[in-house]
C-alpha atoms as a PDB file:
ATOM      1  CA  MET A   1     -21.490  -6.176 -10.907  1.00  0.00           C
ATOM      2  CA  PRO A   2     -20.105  -9.466  -9.473  1.00  0.00           C
ATOM      3  CA  ALA A   3     -19.879  -9.877  -5.706  1.00  0.00           C
ATOM      4  CA  PRO A   4     -16.469  -9.039  -4.246  1.00  0.00           C
ATOM      5  CA  GLN A   5     -14.061 -11.939  -3.853  1.00  0.00           C
ATOM      6  CA  ARG A   6     -12.933 -12.713  -0.344  1.00  0.00           C
ATOM      7  CA  HIS A   7      -9.221 -12.302   0.412  1.00  0.00           C
ATOM      8  CA  VAL A   8      -7.793 -13.539   3.710  1.00  0.00           C
ATOM      9  CA  SER A   9      -4.188 -13.197   4.883  1.00  0.00           C
ATOM     10  CA  GLY A  10      -2.513 -13.616   8.243  1.00  0.00           C
ATOM     11  CA  ILE A  11      -3.898 -10.373   9.686  1.00  0.00           C
ATOM     12  CA  SER A  12      -6.542  -9.174   7.224  1.00  0.00           C
ATOM     13  CA  ASP A  13      -9.949 -10.284   6.014  1.00  0.00           C
ATOM     14  CA  SER A  14     -11.674  -8.466   3.174  1.00  0.00           C
ATOM     15  CA  SER A  15     -15.120  -9.532   4.401  1.00  0.00           C
ATOM     16  CA  ARG A  16     -14.809  -6.691   6.932  1.00  0.00           C
ATOM     17  CA  TRP A  17     -15.812  -4.413   4.031  1.00  0.00           C
ATOM     18  CA  ASP A  18     -19.204  -6.147   3.775  1.00  0.00           C
ATOM     19  CA  GLY A  19     -21.972  -3.626   4.374  1.00  0.00           C
ATOM     20  CA  PHE A  20     -19.562  -0.716   4.901  1.00  0.00           C
ATOM     21  CA  PRO A  21     -21.433   2.615   4.617  1.00  0.00           C
ATOM     22  CA  PHE A  22     -19.443   4.560   2.028  1.00  0.00           C
ATOM     23  CA  ARG A  23     -19.601   8.296   1.538  1.00  0.00           C
ATOM     24  CA  PRO A  24     -19.613   9.597  -2.056  1.00  0.00           C
ATOM     25  CA  ASP A  25     -16.201  11.275  -1.750  1.00  0.00           C
ATOM     26  CA  ASP A  26     -14.369   8.448   0.072  1.00  0.00           C
ATOM     27  CA  ILE A  27     -10.896   7.467  -1.101  1.00  0.00           C
ATOM     28  CA  VAL A  28      -9.928   3.794  -0.797  1.00  0.00           C
ATOM     29  CA  LEU A  29      -6.193   3.058  -1.033  1.00  0.00           C
ATOM     30  CA  SER A  30      -6.030  -0.480  -2.428  1.00  0.00           C
ATOM     31  CA  THR A  31      -2.278  -0.986  -2.567  1.00  0.00           C
ATOM     32  CA  PRO A  32      -0.213  -4.171  -2.175  1.00  0.00           C
ATOM     33  CA  SER A  33       2.075  -4.241   0.834  1.00  0.00           C
ATOM     34  CA  LYS A  34       5.391  -2.390   0.399  1.00  0.00           C
ATOM     35  CA  CYS A  35       4.310  -0.666  -2.816  1.00  0.00           C
ATOM     36  CA  GLY A  36       4.014   2.770  -1.228  1.00  0.00           C
ATOM     37  CA  THR A  37       0.837   2.540   0.853  1.00  0.00           C
ATOM     38  CA  THR A  38       2.061   4.883   3.595  1.00  0.00           C
ATOM     39  CA  TRP A  39       3.442   7.279   0.978  1.00  0.00           C
ATOM     40  CA  ALA A  40       0.070   7.423  -0.763  1.00  0.00           C
ATOM     41  CA  GLN A  41      -1.711   7.871   2.578  1.00  0.00           C
ATOM     42  CA  MET A  42       0.586  10.782   3.427  1.00  0.00           C
ATOM     43  CA  ILE A  43       0.016  12.421   0.053  1.00  0.00           C
ATOM     44  CA  CYS A  44      -3.744  12.105   0.483  1.00  0.00           C
ATOM     45  CA  ALA A  45      -3.500  13.536   3.988  1.00  0.00           C
ATOM     46  CA  LEU A  46      -1.476  16.513   2.790  1.00  0.00           C
ATOM     47  CA  LEU A  47      -3.945  17.253   0.014  1.00  0.00           C
ATOM     48  CA  ILE A  48      -6.992  16.851   2.232  1.00  0.00           C
ATOM     49  CA  PHE A  49      -5.722  18.879   5.204  1.00  0.00           C
ATOM     50  CA  GLY A  50      -3.834  21.414   3.091  1.00  0.00           C
ATOM     51  CA  GLY A  51      -0.648  21.560   5.157  1.00  0.00           C
ATOM     52  CA  PRO A  52       2.236  19.467   6.488  1.00  0.00           C
ATOM     53  CA  GLU A  53       0.961  19.367  10.073  1.00  0.00           C
ATOM     54  CA  LEU A  54      -1.618  16.619  10.483  1.00  0.00           C
ATOM     55  CA  PRO A  55      -4.266  16.672  13.242  1.00  0.00           C
ATOM     56  CA  ALA A  56      -3.535  13.094  14.356  1.00  0.00           C
ATOM     57  CA  PRO A  57      -1.181  10.188  13.610  1.00  0.00           C
ATOM     58  CA  LEU A  58      -1.573   8.946  10.048  1.00  0.00           C
ATOM     59  CA  THR A  59      -3.019   5.571  11.029  1.00  0.00           C
ATOM     60  CA  ALA A  60      -5.743   7.316  13.046  1.00  0.00           C
ATOM     61  CA  LEU A  61      -6.644   9.480  10.052  1.00  0.00           C
ATOM     62  CA  SER A  62      -6.502   6.607   7.577  1.00  0.00           C
ATOM     63  CA  PRO A  63      -7.422   3.347   9.337  1.00  0.00           C
ATOM     64  CA  TRP A  64      -6.767  -0.086   7.864  1.00  0.00           C
ATOM     65  CA  LEU A  65     -10.336  -1.343   7.782  1.00  0.00           C
ATOM     66  CA  ASP A  66      -9.748  -5.031   7.089  1.00  0.00           C
ATOM     67  CA  MET A  67      -6.883  -5.552   9.555  1.00  0.00           C
ATOM     68  CA  ARG A  68      -8.065  -8.081  12.134  1.00  0.00           C
ATOM     69  CA  LEU A  69      -5.919  -6.794  15.002  1.00  0.00           C
ATOM     70  CA  ARG A  70      -8.604  -4.251  15.939  1.00  0.00           C
ATOM     71  CA  PRO A  71     -12.293  -5.039  16.456  1.00  0.00           C
ATOM     72  CA  LEU A  72     -14.283  -4.106  13.374  1.00  0.00           C
ATOM     73  CA  ASP A  73     -16.798  -2.083  15.387  1.00  0.00           C
ATOM     74  CA  GLU A  74     -13.952   0.038  16.757  1.00  0.00           C
ATOM     75  CA  VAL A  75     -12.551   0.813  13.305  1.00  0.00           C
ATOM     76  CA  ARG A  76     -15.965   1.605  11.875  1.00  0.00           C
ATOM     77  CA  HIS A  77     -16.691   3.889  14.809  1.00  0.00           C
ATOM     78  CA  VAL A  78     -13.511   5.854  14.089  1.00  0.00           C
ATOM     79  CA  LEU A  79     -14.444   6.204  10.425  1.00  0.00           C
ATOM     80  CA  ASP A  80     -18.037   7.118  11.209  1.00  0.00           C
ATOM     81  CA  ARG A  81     -16.907   9.994  13.437  1.00  0.00           C
ATOM     82  CA  GLN A  82     -14.513  11.471  10.895  1.00  0.00           C
ATOM     83  CA  THR A  83     -15.704  14.773   9.450  1.00  0.00           C
ATOM     84  CA  HIS A  84     -12.859  15.236   6.967  1.00  0.00           C
ATOM     85  CA  ARG A  85     -12.792  13.516   3.608  1.00  0.00           C
ATOM     86  CA  ARG A  86     -12.009   9.904   4.419  1.00  0.00           C
ATOM     87  CA  PHE A  87      -9.078   7.983   2.957  1.00  0.00           C
ATOM     88  CA  ILE A  88      -9.141   4.358   3.995  1.00  0.00           C
ATOM     89  CA  LYS A  89      -6.288   1.875   3.818  1.00  0.00           C
ATOM     90  CA  THR A  90      -6.538  -1.668   2.524  1.00  0.00           C
ATOM     91  CA  HIS A  91      -4.263  -4.234   0.942  1.00  0.00           C
ATOM     92  CA  THR A  92      -7.265  -5.950  -0.646  1.00  0.00           C
ATOM     93  CA  PRO A  93      -7.300  -5.985  -4.466  1.00  0.00           C
ATOM     94  CA  LEU A  94     -10.066  -4.142  -6.275  1.00  0.00           C
ATOM     95  CA  ASP A  95     -11.868  -7.400  -7.017  1.00  0.00           C
ATOM     96  CA  GLY A  96     -12.368  -7.875  -3.267  1.00  0.00           C
ATOM     97  CA  LEU A  97     -13.874  -4.434  -2.621  1.00  0.00           C
ATOM     98  CA  PRO A  98     -17.416  -3.138  -2.985  1.00  0.00           C
ATOM     99  CA  VAL A  99     -17.781  -0.577  -5.786  1.00  0.00           C
ATOM    100  CA  ALA A 100     -19.698   2.462  -4.528  1.00  0.00           C
ATOM    101  CA  PRO A 101     -20.791   5.555  -6.484  1.00  0.00           C
ATOM    102  CA  GLY A 102     -18.410   8.496  -6.199  1.00  0.00           C
ATOM    103  CA  VAL A 103     -15.688   6.592  -4.354  1.00  0.00           C
ATOM    104  CA  THR A 104     -12.126   6.885  -5.688  1.00  0.00           C
ATOM    105  CA  TYR A 105     -10.008   3.736  -5.645  1.00  0.00           C
ATOM    106  CA  LEU A 106      -6.268   4.548  -5.536  1.00  0.00           C
ATOM    107  CA  VAL A 107      -3.747   1.841  -6.395  1.00  0.00           C
ATOM    108  CA  VAL A 108       0.046   2.172  -6.300  1.00  0.00           C
ATOM    109  CA  GLY A 109       2.361  -0.178  -8.194  1.00  0.00           C
ATOM    110  CA  ARG A 110       6.056  -0.899  -7.694  1.00  0.00           C
ATOM    111  CA  ASP A 111       8.805  -3.016  -9.234  1.00  0.00           C
ATOM    112  CA  PRO A 112       8.175  -6.471  -7.691  1.00  0.00           C
ATOM    113  CA  ARG A 113      11.892  -6.970  -7.036  1.00  0.00           C
ATOM    114  CA  ASP A 114      11.967  -3.822  -4.912  1.00  0.00           C
ATOM    115  CA  VAL A 115       8.810  -4.998  -3.140  1.00  0.00           C
ATOM    116  CA  ALA A 116      10.566  -8.260  -2.284  1.00  0.00           C
ATOM    117  CA  VAL A 117      13.570  -6.456  -0.749  1.00  0.00           C
ATOM    118  CA  SER A 118      11.355  -4.034   1.168  1.00  0.00           C
ATOM    119  CA  MET A 119       9.188  -6.864   2.456  1.00  0.00           C
ATOM    120  CA  SER A 120      12.277  -8.727   3.686  1.00  0.00           C
ATOM    121  CA  HIS A 121      13.240  -5.724   5.839  1.00  0.00           C
ATOM    122  CA  HIS A 122       9.639  -5.128   6.918  1.00  0.00           C
ATOM    123  CA  ARG A 123       9.011  -8.658   8.189  1.00  0.00           C
ATOM    124  CA  GLY A 124      12.257  -8.546  10.137  1.00  0.00           C
ATOM    125  CA  ASN A 125      10.962  -5.494  12.004  1.00  0.00           C
ATOM    126  CA  LEU A 126       7.534  -6.904  12.909  1.00  0.00           C
ATOM    127  CA  ASP A 127       6.969  -8.107  16.467  1.00  0.00           C
ATOM    128  CA  ASP A 128       5.345 -11.478  15.868  1.00  0.00           C
ATOM    129  CA  ALA A 129       4.560 -11.962  19.569  1.00  0.00           C
ATOM    130  CA  VAL A 130       2.456  -8.783  19.604  1.00  0.00           C
ATOM    131  CA  ILE A 131       0.631  -9.839  16.447  1.00  0.00           C
ATOM    132  CA  ARG A 132      -0.138 -13.313  17.821  1.00  0.00           C
ATOM    133  CA  ARG A 133      -1.458 -11.749  21.044  1.00  0.00           C
ATOM    134  CA  LEU A 134      -3.754  -9.342  19.189  1.00  0.00           C
ATOM    135  CA  LEU A 135      -5.165 -11.761  16.631  1.00  0.00           C
ATOM    136  CA  PRO A 136      -8.643 -13.056  17.520  1.00  0.00           C
ATOM    137  CA  PRO A 137      -8.415 -16.662  18.801  1.00  0.00           C
ATOM    138  CA  ALA A 138     -10.912 -17.797  16.190  1.00  0.00           C
ATOM    139  CA  GLY A 139     -10.872 -16.430  12.697  1.00  0.00           C
ATOM    140  CA  PRO A 140     -10.601 -17.299   9.030  1.00  0.00           C
ATOM    141  CA  ALA A 141      -7.578 -19.250   7.868  1.00  0.00           C
ATOM    142  CA  PRO A 142      -5.206 -17.465   5.478  1.00  0.00           C
ATOM    143  CA  ASP A 143      -5.544 -18.258   1.796  1.00  0.00           C
ATOM    144  CA  ARG A 144      -2.332 -20.262   2.255  1.00  0.00           C
ATOM    145  CA  PRO A 145       0.078 -20.740   5.176  1.00  0.00           C
ATOM    146  CA  ARG A 146       3.326 -18.772   5.190  1.00  0.00           C
ATOM    147  CA  PRO A 147       6.539 -20.849   4.965  1.00  0.00           C
ATOM    148  CA  PRO A 148       9.428 -20.380   7.440  1.00  0.00           C
ATOM    149  CA  ARG A 149      11.500 -17.263   6.849  1.00  0.00           C
ATOM    150  CA  PRO A 150      15.095 -17.902   5.656  1.00  0.00           C
ATOM    151  CA  SER A 151      17.920 -16.137   7.491  1.00  0.00           C
ATOM    152  CA  ASP A 152      19.770 -15.221   4.285  1.00  0.00           C
ATOM    153  CA  PRO A 153      18.477 -11.936   2.728  1.00  0.00           C
ATOM    154  CA  ARG A 154      18.890 -13.237  -0.826  1.00  0.00           C
ATOM    155  CA  LEU A 155      16.922 -16.369  -0.026  1.00  0.00           C
ATOM    156  CA  ARG A 156      14.196 -14.270   1.588  1.00  0.00           C
ATOM    157  CA  VAL A 157      13.852 -12.259  -1.623  1.00  0.00           C
ATOM    158  CA  LEU A 158      13.797 -15.416  -3.734  1.00  0.00           C
ATOM    159  CA  GLN A 159      11.185 -16.956  -1.431  1.00  0.00           C
ATOM    160  CA  TRP A 160       8.979 -13.898  -1.858  1.00  0.00           C
ATOM    161  CA  LEU A 161       9.372 -14.032  -5.647  1.00  0.00           C
ATOM    162  CA  ASP A 162       8.326 -17.687  -5.631  1.00  0.00           C
ATOM    163  CA  GLU A 163       5.550 -17.455  -3.032  1.00  0.00           C
ATOM    164  CA  ASP A 164       4.094 -13.957  -3.360  1.00  0.00           C
ATOM    165  CA  LEU A 165       4.855 -12.571  -6.821  1.00  0.00           C
ATOM    166  CA  ALA A 166       1.689 -14.032  -8.339  1.00  0.00           C
ATOM    167  CA  GLY A 167      -0.537 -12.332  -5.761  1.00  0.00           C
ATOM    168  CA  LEU A 168       1.123  -8.968  -6.310  1.00  0.00           C
ATOM    169  CA  VAL A 169       0.808  -9.251 -10.088  1.00  0.00           C
ATOM    170  CA  GLN A 170      -2.849 -10.297  -9.860  1.00  0.00           C
ATOM    171  CA  HIS A 171      -3.627  -7.308  -7.636  1.00  0.00           C
ATOM    172  CA  LEU A 172      -1.913  -4.832  -9.954  1.00  0.00           C
ATOM    173  CA  ALA A 173      -3.113  -6.504 -13.164  1.00  0.00           C
ATOM    174  CA  ASP A 174      -6.712  -6.034 -12.017  1.00  0.00           C
ATOM    175  CA  ALA A 175      -6.032  -2.356 -11.368  1.00  0.00           C
ATOM    176  CA  TRP A 176      -4.168  -2.023 -14.668  1.00  0.00           C
ATOM    177  CA  ASP A 177      -7.178  -3.402 -16.521  1.00  0.00           C
ATOM    178  CA  ARG A 178      -9.326  -0.730 -14.833  1.00  0.00           C
ATOM    179  CA  ARG A 179      -6.905   2.153 -15.360  1.00  0.00           C
ATOM    180  CA  HIS A 180      -9.338   3.971 -17.665  1.00  0.00           C
ATOM    181  CA  ASP A 181     -12.189   3.680 -15.133  1.00  0.00           C
ATOM    182  CA  GLU A 182     -13.019   7.174 -13.864  1.00  0.00           C
ATOM    183  CA  GLN A 183     -13.179   5.865 -10.288  1.00  0.00           C
ATOM    184  CA  VAL A 184      -9.709   4.276 -10.397  1.00  0.00           C
ATOM    185  CA  VAL A 185      -6.422   6.197 -10.047  1.00  0.00           C
ATOM    186  CA  LEU A 186      -3.192   4.315 -10.780  1.00  0.00           C
ATOM    187  CA  LEU A 187       0.120   5.601  -9.404  1.00  0.00           C
ATOM    188  CA  HIS A 188       3.581   4.052  -9.494  1.00  0.00           C
ATOM    189  CA  TYR A 189       6.417   4.230  -6.997  1.00  0.00           C
ATOM    190  CA  ALA A 190       8.910   5.063  -9.760  1.00  0.00           C
ATOM    191  CA  ASP A 191       6.798   7.968 -11.015  1.00  0.00           C
ATOM    192  CA  LEU A 192       6.475   9.309  -7.477  1.00  0.00           C
ATOM    193  CA  SER A 193      10.240   9.027  -7.047  1.00  0.00           C
ATOM    194  CA  ARG A 194      10.971  10.792 -10.350  1.00  0.00           C
ATOM    195  CA  ASP A 195       8.386  13.556 -10.172  1.00  0.00           C
ATOM    196  CA  LEU A 196       6.737  13.773  -6.770  1.00  0.00           C
ATOM    197  CA  ALA A 197       5.377  17.279  -7.362  1.00  0.00           C
ATOM    198  CA  GLY A 198       3.880  16.367 -10.720  1.00  0.00           C
ATOM    199  CA  GLN A 199       2.277  13.184  -9.396  1.00  0.00           C
ATOM    200  CA  MET A 200       0.829  15.034  -6.392  1.00  0.00           C
ATOM    201  CA  ARG A 201      -0.684  17.642  -8.694  1.00  0.00           C
ATOM    202  CA  ARG A 202      -2.087  14.916 -10.904  1.00  0.00           C
ATOM    203  CA  LEU A 203      -3.672  13.170  -7.919  1.00  0.00           C
ATOM    204  CA  ALA A 204      -5.109  16.433  -6.616  1.00  0.00           C
ATOM    205  CA  GLY A 205      -6.746  16.938  -9.991  1.00  0.00           C
ATOM    206  CA  ARG A 206      -8.221  13.443 -10.008  1.00  0.00           C
ATOM    207  CA  LEU A 207      -9.551  13.925  -6.479  1.00  0.00           C
ATOM    208  CA  GLY A 208     -10.993  17.355  -7.259  1.00  0.00           C
ATOM    209  CA  ILE A 209      -8.870  19.073  -4.608  1.00  0.00           C
ATOM    210  CA  ASP A 210      -7.832  22.669  -5.246  1.00  0.00           C
ATOM    211  CA  VAL A 211      -4.487  23.560  -3.682  1.00  0.00           C
ATOM    212  CA  PRO A 212      -3.340  27.199  -3.557  1.00  0.00           C
ATOM    213  CA  GLU A 213      -0.120  27.558  -5.528  1.00  0.00           C
ATOM    214  CA  CYS A 214       1.734  28.971  -2.524  1.00  0.00           C
ATOM    215  CA  ARG A 215       1.157  25.757  -0.541  1.00  0.00           C
ATOM    216  CA  TRP A 216       2.622  23.305  -3.032  1.00  0.00           C
ATOM    217  CA  PRO A 217       6.300  23.583  -1.988  1.00  0.00           C
ATOM    218  CA  ASP A 218       5.507  22.754   1.650  1.00  0.00           C
ATOM    219  CA  LEU A 219       3.195  19.885   0.701  1.00  0.00           C
ATOM    220  CA  VAL A 220       5.702  18.308  -1.654  1.00  0.00           C
ATOM    221  CA  ARG A 221       8.525  18.684   0.848  1.00  0.00           C
ATOM    222  CA  ALA A 222       6.445  16.992   3.542  1.00  0.00           C
ATOM    223  CA  ALA A 223       5.880  14.009   1.245  1.00  0.00           C
ATOM    224  CA  THR A 224       9.574  13.366   0.606  1.00  0.00           C
ATOM    225  CA  PHE A 225      11.145  10.253   2.082  1.00  0.00           C
ATOM    226  CA  SER A 226      13.566  12.169   4.298  1.00  0.00           C
ATOM    227  CA  GLU A 227      10.804  14.296   5.796  1.00  0.00           C
ATOM    228  CA  MET A 228       8.553  11.288   6.378  1.00  0.00           C
ATOM    229  CA  ARG A 229      11.343   9.255   7.969  1.00  0.00           C
ATOM    230  CA  GLY A 230      11.946  12.124  10.378  1.00  0.00           C
ATOM    231  CA  ARG A 231       8.314  11.842  11.506  1.00  0.00           C
ATOM    232  CA  ALA A 232       8.202   8.052  11.821  1.00  0.00           C
ATOM    233  CA  ASP A 233       6.545   8.303  15.245  1.00  0.00           C
ATOM    234  CA  ARG A 234       3.506   9.924  13.599  1.00  0.00           C
ATOM    235  CA  LEU A 235       3.562   8.242  10.200  1.00  0.00           C
ATOM    236  CA  ALA A 236       4.732   4.634  10.560  1.00  0.00           C
ATOM    237  CA  PRO A 237       1.733   2.231  10.373  1.00  0.00           C
ATOM    238  CA  ASP A 238       2.199   0.890  13.868  1.00  0.00           C
ATOM    239  CA  GLU A 239      -1.512   1.379  14.541  1.00  0.00           C
ATOM    240  CA  GLY A 240      -0.590   2.362  18.105  1.00  0.00           C
ATOM    241  CA  LEU A 241      -0.316  -1.343  18.855  1.00  0.00           C
ATOM    242  CA  GLY A 242       3.439  -1.844  19.096  1.00  0.00           C
ATOM    243  CA  LEU A 243       3.646  -3.889  15.891  1.00  0.00           C
ATOM    244  CA  PHE A 244       7.226  -2.888  15.100  1.00  0.00           C
ATOM    245  CA  ALA A 245      10.362  -3.696  17.036  1.00  0.00           C
ATOM    246  CA  ASP A 246      11.569  -0.237  15.946  1.00  0.00           C
ATOM    247  CA  PRO A 247       9.111   2.150  14.211  1.00  0.00           C
ATOM    248  CA  ASP A 248      12.015   4.253  12.916  1.00  0.00           C
ATOM    249  CA  ARG A 249      13.155   1.282  10.819  1.00  0.00           C
ATOM    250  CA  PHE A 250       9.863   1.223   8.901  1.00  0.00           C
ATOM    251  CA  PHE A 251      11.191   3.898   6.519  1.00  0.00           C
ATOM    252  CA  HIS A 252      14.111   1.774   5.335  1.00  0.00           C
ATOM    253  CA  SER A 253      15.559   3.500   2.253  1.00  0.00           C
ATOM    254  CA  GLY A 254      12.836   4.756  -0.095  1.00  0.00           C
ATOM    255  CA  THR A 255      15.031   3.898  -3.081  1.00  0.00           C
ATOM    256  CA  THR A 256      14.736   1.545  -6.031  1.00  0.00           C
ATOM    257  CA  GLY A 257      17.061  -1.108  -7.406  1.00  0.00           C
ATOM    258  CA  GLN A 258      18.347  -2.568  -4.127  1.00  0.00           C
ATOM    259  CA  TRP A 259      17.602  -6.017  -5.521  1.00  0.00           C
ATOM    260  CA  ARG A 260      20.648  -5.651  -7.785  1.00  0.00           C
ATOM    261  CA  ASP A 261      22.889  -6.068  -4.740  1.00  0.00           C
ATOM    262  CA  LEU A 262      21.215  -9.382  -3.836  1.00  0.00           C
ATOM    263  CA  LEU A 263      20.122 -11.257  -6.933  1.00  0.00           C
ATOM    264  CA  THR A 264      22.474 -13.134  -9.226  1.00  0.00           C
ATOM    265  CA  ALA A 265      22.092 -13.213 -13.016  1.00  0.00           C
ATOM    266  CA  ALA A 266      20.486 -16.643 -12.685  1.00  0.00           C
ATOM    267  CA  ASP A 267      18.070 -15.293 -10.035  1.00  0.00           C
ATOM    268  CA  GLU A 268      17.103 -12.412 -12.321  1.00  0.00           C
ATOM    269  CA  ALA A 269      16.538 -14.785 -15.247  1.00  0.00           C
ATOM    270  CA  HIS A 270      14.310 -16.951 -13.037  1.00  0.00           C
ATOM    271  CA  TYR A 271      12.330 -13.886 -11.986  1.00  0.00           C
ATOM    272  CA  GLN A 272      11.883 -12.712 -15.571  1.00  0.00           C
ATOM    273  CA  ARG A 273      10.543 -16.135 -16.579  1.00  0.00           C
ATOM    274  CA  ARG A 274       8.139 -16.120 -13.653  1.00  0.00           C
ATOM    275  CA  LEU A 275       6.885 -12.642 -14.454  1.00  0.00           C
ATOM    276  CA  ALA A 276       6.500 -13.369 -18.176  1.00  0.00           C
ATOM    277  CA  ALA A 277       4.176 -16.228 -17.288  1.00  0.00           C
ATOM    278  CA  LEU A 278       2.055 -13.935 -15.127  1.00  0.00           C
ATOM    279  CA  ALA A 279       1.820 -10.627 -17.029  1.00  0.00           C
ATOM    280  CA  PRO A 280       1.791  -9.367 -20.626  1.00  0.00           C
ATOM    281  CA  ALA A 281       4.605  -7.163 -21.910  1.00  0.00           C
ATOM    282  CA  GLU A 282       2.815  -3.827 -21.450  1.00  0.00           C
ATOM    283  CA  LEU A 283       1.988  -4.571 -17.830  1.00  0.00           C
ATOM    284  CA  ARG A 284       5.521  -5.848 -17.168  1.00  0.00           C
ATOM    285  CA  HIS A 285       6.958  -2.583 -18.491  1.00  0.00           C
ATOM    286  CA  TRP A 286       4.673  -0.551 -16.230  1.00  0.00           C
ATOM    287  CA  LEU A 287       5.531  -2.723 -13.209  1.00  0.00           C
ATOM    288  CA  HIS A 288       9.231  -2.081 -13.733  1.00  0.00           C
ATOM    289  CA  HIS A 289       9.218   1.539 -14.876  1.00  0.00           C
ATOM    290  CA  GLY A 290       5.867   3.225 -14.229  1.00  0.00           C
ATOM    291  CA  THR A 291       4.453   5.500 -16.909  1.00  0.00           C
ATOM    292  CA  GLY A 292       7.148   8.172 -16.925  1.00  0.00           C
ATOM    293  CA  ALA A 293       9.895   6.094 -18.541  1.00  0.00           C
ATOM    294  CA  SER A 294      10.176   4.873 -22.123  1.00  0.00           C
END
């Protein structure tokens, strides 16, 4: 097994996984930003705790291990004290994570155009001053510096498609290639949107979690966008650090296809050319539609 690759971004460093003491039933959520990470965390929490009321805020139950805004010792201490089945957040691709026996690696995909729109809203809600204050004064440089953020929403989406599409595709292509691995579970935002109950049951089966039939309606309801948005104070990934200007804005729309209101026909053609150079046809179809659409 090759050594994990190191991935460094503005606030994360995958080397924080080095030497991490896994437990055999750990769940690692390796999902690109804005692909449904918080949704997947909530679904895991509901399945693990068996009810809609969680014992702590979601970020406390499912810490982001490689985020550099908290000392690593502090995050590991939280995880070491947890007695429930652990489900750990990361945006690191599978090729940057240690592979441990019994651990389940959960990856969620999403239409890259929807990711671009969601990321545009997300970055506008981040408090950069808080992030700069919390970042360690000395640390690894990002894989590449981030360019200035345009004020026009369409240009922000186009910038993301030019600057970040390749990284998203590489992350999801690696997971796609491992989709038949018994330790890897692949979900898609579109499938969750179309059939949340079915996808939750499928995930419960893959995780070996038995859910009494009478509990399913409450669990599925608690995982809907409207219910989660109503609990933003407990579910938004603010980490208790004040990262968002408005935590309620984190749950923006939960829909797909918003890119159609921003991108021109020429923009869409440019995107399709970019994606065709990065991914084969089968992967492109999955990225856009998930597995539940023909």
